[in-house]
Amino acid sequence: MPPHFHVEKRGEWEIRVYYLECTGTHLEFEMKYPKRGIILARDRDAIIAQVTAHQADLMKEWTSKVCTGESHE
């Protein structure tokens, strides 16, 4: 599976964010729960802002945790 992390809005939705494919205006994600859930623009924008600000740190953590064979799903 490509590098990703999960974001949850408790009781509303959970998504898998593919952060290497995100840009300053685009959030690349897969809805995990509910399958046809809706993410508000303000939530999407907040996630995009954090992804773009921390993309290198996210990749470093992915490499150190996932690429060692540990499961963090």
N, C-alpha and C. Protein backbone atom coordinates (compact mmCIF):
# COMPACT_ATOMS: atom_id res chain seq x y z
N MET A 1 0.85 -1.18 0.00
CA MET A 1 0.00 0.00 0.00
C MET A 1 0.90 1.24 0.00
N PRO A 2 0.54 2.26 -0.77
CA PRO A 2 1.37 3.47 -0.80
C PRO A 2 1.35 4.20 0.56
N PRO A 3 2.33 5.05 0.80
CA PRO A 3 2.38 5.80 2.06
C PRO A 3 1.08 6.55 2.32
N HIS A 4 0.60 6.40 3.55
CA HIS A 4 -0.67 7.03 3.92
C HIS A 4 -0.77 7.12 5.44
N PHE A 5 -1.77 7.84 5.90
CA PHE A 5 -2.14 7.85 7.31
C PHE A 5 -3.66 7.98 7.38
N HIS A 6 -4.20 7.73 8.54
CA HIS A 6 -5.65 7.78 8.73
C HIS A 6 -6.05 9.03 9.51
N VAL A 7 -7.17 9.59 9.11
CA VAL A 7 -7.76 10.72 9.82
C VAL A 7 -9.20 10.33 10.14
N GLU A 8 -9.61 10.61 11.36
CA GLU A 8 -10.96 10.28 11.79
C GLU A 8 -11.63 11.50 12.39
N LYS A 9 -12.86 11.72 11.98
CA LYS A 9 -13.73 12.68 12.66
C LYS A 9 -14.70 11.81 13.41
N ARG A 10 -14.43 11.66 14.70
CA ARG A 10 -15.13 10.68 15.55
C ARG A 10 -16.64 10.69 15.35
N GLY A 11 -17.15 9.50 15.05
CA GLY A 11 -18.58 9.34 14.87
C GLY A 11 -19.11 9.77 13.52
N GLU A 12 -18.23 10.34 12.66
CA GLU A 12 -18.70 10.83 11.36
C GLU A 12 -18.04 10.12 10.19
N TRP A 13 -16.70 10.08 10.18
CA TRP A 13 -16.00 9.47 9.07
C TRP A 13 -14.56 9.12 9.44
N GLU A 14 -13.95 8.27 8.60
CA GLU A 14 -12.53 7.96 8.68
C GLU A 14 -12.02 7.86 7.25
N ILE A 15 -10.88 8.48 6.99
CA ILE A 15 -10.28 8.44 5.66
C ILE A 15 -8.83 7.98 5.74
N ARG A 16 -8.36 7.46 4.63
CA ARG A 16 -6.95 7.11 4.46
C ARG A 16 -6.39 8.17 3.50
N VAL A 17 -5.42 8.96 3.97
CA VAL A 17 -4.85 10.06 3.19
C VAL A 17 -3.54 9.60 2.56
N TYR A 18 -3.48 9.71 1.24
CA TYR A 18 -2.26 9.39 0.48
C TYR A 18 -1.47 10.69 0.31
N TYR A 19 -0.65 10.98 1.31
CA TYR A 19 -0.06 12.31 1.43
C TYR A 19 0.94 12.66 0.33
N LEU A 20 1.57 11.70 -0.30
CA LEU A 20 2.52 12.02 -1.37
C LEU A 20 1.80 12.53 -2.62
N GLU A 21 0.52 12.27 -2.72
CA GLU A 21 -0.27 12.70 -3.87
C GLU A 21 -1.08 13.97 -3.59
N CYS A 22 -0.97 14.49 -2.37
CA CYS A 22 -1.69 15.72 -2.00
C CYS A 22 -0.90 16.94 -2.45
N THR A 23 -1.63 17.99 -2.76
CA THR A 23 -1.01 19.27 -3.09
C THR A 23 -1.64 20.34 -2.20
N GLY A 24 -1.29 21.57 -2.43
CA GLY A 24 -1.85 22.66 -1.65
C GLY A 24 -3.34 22.87 -1.84
N THR A 25 -3.90 22.26 -2.90
CA THR A 25 -5.33 22.42 -3.17
C THR A 25 -6.06 21.09 -3.35
N HIS A 26 -5.34 20.00 -3.28
CA HIS A 26 -5.95 18.69 -3.55
C HIS A 26 -5.63 17.71 -2.43
N LEU A 27 -6.67 17.07 -1.90
CA LEU A 27 -6.52 16.04 -0.89
C LEU A 27 -6.81 14.69 -1.54
N GLU A 28 -5.79 13.85 -1.62
CA GLU A 28 -5.96 12.50 -2.19
C GLU A 28 -6.26 11.56 -1.03
N PHE A 29 -7.45 10.95 -1.04
CA PHE A 29 -7.85 10.11 0.08
C PHE A 29 -8.82 9.03 -0.38
N GLU A 30 -9.00 8.07 0.50
CA GLU A 30 -9.98 7.00 0.32
C GLU A 30 -10.88 7.00 1.55
N MET A 31 -12.17 7.02 1.33
CA MET A 31 -13.12 6.98 2.43
C MET A 31 -13.18 5.57 2.98
N LYS A 32 -12.92 5.42 4.27
CA LYS A 32 -13.00 4.10 4.91
C LYS A 32 -14.36 3.91 5.57
N TYR A 33 -14.86 4.95 6.22
CA TYR A 33 -16.13 4.87 6.94
C TYR A 33 -16.81 6.23 6.92
N PRO A 34 -18.06 6.35 6.68
CA PRO A 34 -18.84 5.41 5.91
C PRO A 34 -18.39 5.46 4.46
N LYS A 35 -18.69 4.46 3.69
CA LYS A 35 -18.18 4.37 2.32
C LYS A 35 -18.59 5.56 1.46
N ARG A 36 -19.73 6.15 1.75
CA ARG A 36 -20.20 7.29 0.95
C ARG A 36 -20.27 8.56 1.82
N GLY A 37 -19.32 8.68 2.72
CA GLY A 37 -19.31 9.83 3.62
C GLY A 37 -18.93 11.12 2.89
N ILE A 38 -19.17 12.22 3.56
CA ILE A 38 -18.86 13.54 3.02
C ILE A 38 -17.94 14.26 3.99
N ILE A 39 -16.90 14.85 3.45
CA ILE A 39 -15.97 15.65 4.25
C ILE A 39 -16.22 17.12 3.92
N LEU A 40 -16.48 17.91 4.92
CA LEU A 40 -16.72 19.34 4.71
C LEU A 40 -15.45 20.02 4.20
N ALA A 41 -15.63 21.08 3.44
CA ALA A 41 -14.50 21.81 2.87
C ALA A 41 -13.54 22.30 3.95
N ARG A 42 -14.06 22.74 5.09
CA ARG A 42 -13.17 23.25 6.14
C ARG A 42 -12.30 22.12 6.72
N ASP A 43 -12.87 20.91 6.82
CA ASP A 43 -12.08 19.77 7.30
C ASP A 43 -11.03 19.38 6.26
N ARG A 44 -11.44 19.33 5.00
CA ARG A 44 -10.52 19.01 3.91
C ARG A 44 -9.36 20.01 3.87
N ASP A 45 -9.68 21.28 3.94
CA ASP A 45 -8.66 22.33 3.89
C ASP A 45 -7.69 22.23 5.07
N ALA A 46 -8.21 21.91 6.25
CA ALA A 46 -7.36 21.77 7.43
C ALA A 46 -6.40 20.59 7.27
N ILE A 47 -6.89 19.49 6.71
CA ILE A 47 -6.04 18.32 6.49
C ILE A 47 -4.97 18.64 5.45
N ILE A 48 -5.36 19.29 4.36
CA ILE A 48 -4.40 19.68 3.32
C ILE A 48 -3.31 20.55 3.91
N ALA A 49 -3.67 21.51 4.73
CA ALA A 49 -2.69 22.41 5.33
C ALA A 49 -1.67 21.65 6.17
N GLN A 50 -2.14 20.69 6.95
CA GLN A 50 -1.24 19.90 7.78
C GLN A 50 -0.36 18.97 6.94
N VAL A 51 -0.94 18.37 5.92
CA VAL A 51 -0.17 17.47 5.05
C VAL A 51 0.95 18.24 4.35
N THR A 52 0.63 19.38 3.76
CA THR A 52 1.65 20.12 3.03
C THR A 52 2.73 20.68 3.97
N ALA A 53 2.35 21.01 5.18
CA ALA A 53 3.32 21.53 6.15
C ALA A 53 4.23 20.44 6.71
N HIS A 54 3.76 19.19 6.71
CA HIS A 54 4.50 18.11 7.38
C HIS A 54 4.80 16.91 6.48
N GLN A 55 4.78 17.10 5.17
CA GLN A 55 4.96 15.98 4.26
C GLN A 55 6.28 15.24 4.48
N ALA A 56 7.36 15.97 4.67
CA ALA A 56 8.67 15.32 4.89
C ALA A 56 8.67 14.52 6.19
N ASP A 57 8.08 15.06 7.24
CA ASP A 57 8.00 14.35 8.52
C ASP A 57 7.14 13.10 8.41
N LEU A 58 6.05 13.19 7.66
CA LEU A 58 5.18 12.03 7.45
C LEU A 58 5.94 10.91 6.73
N MET A 59 6.73 11.28 5.72
CA MET A 59 7.50 10.27 4.99
C MET A 59 8.57 9.65 5.87
N LYS A 60 9.21 10.47 6.69
CA LYS A 60 10.23 9.96 7.61
C LYS A 60 9.61 8.95 8.59
N GLU A 61 8.44 9.28 9.13
CA GLU A 61 7.78 8.37 10.07
C GLU A 61 7.34 7.09 9.37
N TRP A 62 6.79 7.23 8.16
CA TRP A 62 6.37 6.05 7.38
C TRP A 62 7.56 5.12 7.16
N THR A 63 8.67 5.71 6.75
CA THR A 63 9.87 4.91 6.47
C THR A 63 10.37 4.21 7.72
N SER A 64 10.38 4.93 8.84
CA SER A 64 10.93 4.34 10.07
C SER A 64 10.02 3.28 10.68
N LYS A 65 8.70 3.40 10.48
CA LYS A 65 7.77 2.46 11.10
C LYS A 65 7.29 1.36 10.16
N VAL A 66 6.89 1.74 8.98
CA VAL A 66 6.27 0.78 8.08
C VAL A 66 7.31 0.01 7.28
N CYS A 67 8.35 0.67 6.87
CA CYS A 67 9.35 0.01 6.04
C CYS A 67 10.23 -0.97 6.85
N THR A 68 10.08 -1.01 8.16
CA THR A 68 10.81 -1.95 8.98
C THR A 68 10.05 -3.25 9.16
N GLY A 69 8.84 -3.30 8.62
CA GLY A 69 8.04 -4.52 8.72
C GLY A 69 7.01 -4.49 9.83
N GLU A 70 7.00 -3.44 10.65
CA GLU A 70 5.99 -3.32 11.70
C GLU A 70 4.64 -2.99 11.07
N SER A 71 3.58 -3.42 11.67
CA SER A 71 2.24 -3.12 11.18
C SER A 71 1.63 -2.03 12.04
N HIS A 72 1.22 -0.94 11.41
CA HIS A 72 0.61 0.19 12.13
C HIS A 72 -0.71 0.57 11.50
N GLU A 73 -1.41 -0.35 10.91
CA GLU A 73 -2.68 -0.09 10.23
C GLU A 73 -3.79 0.08 11.24
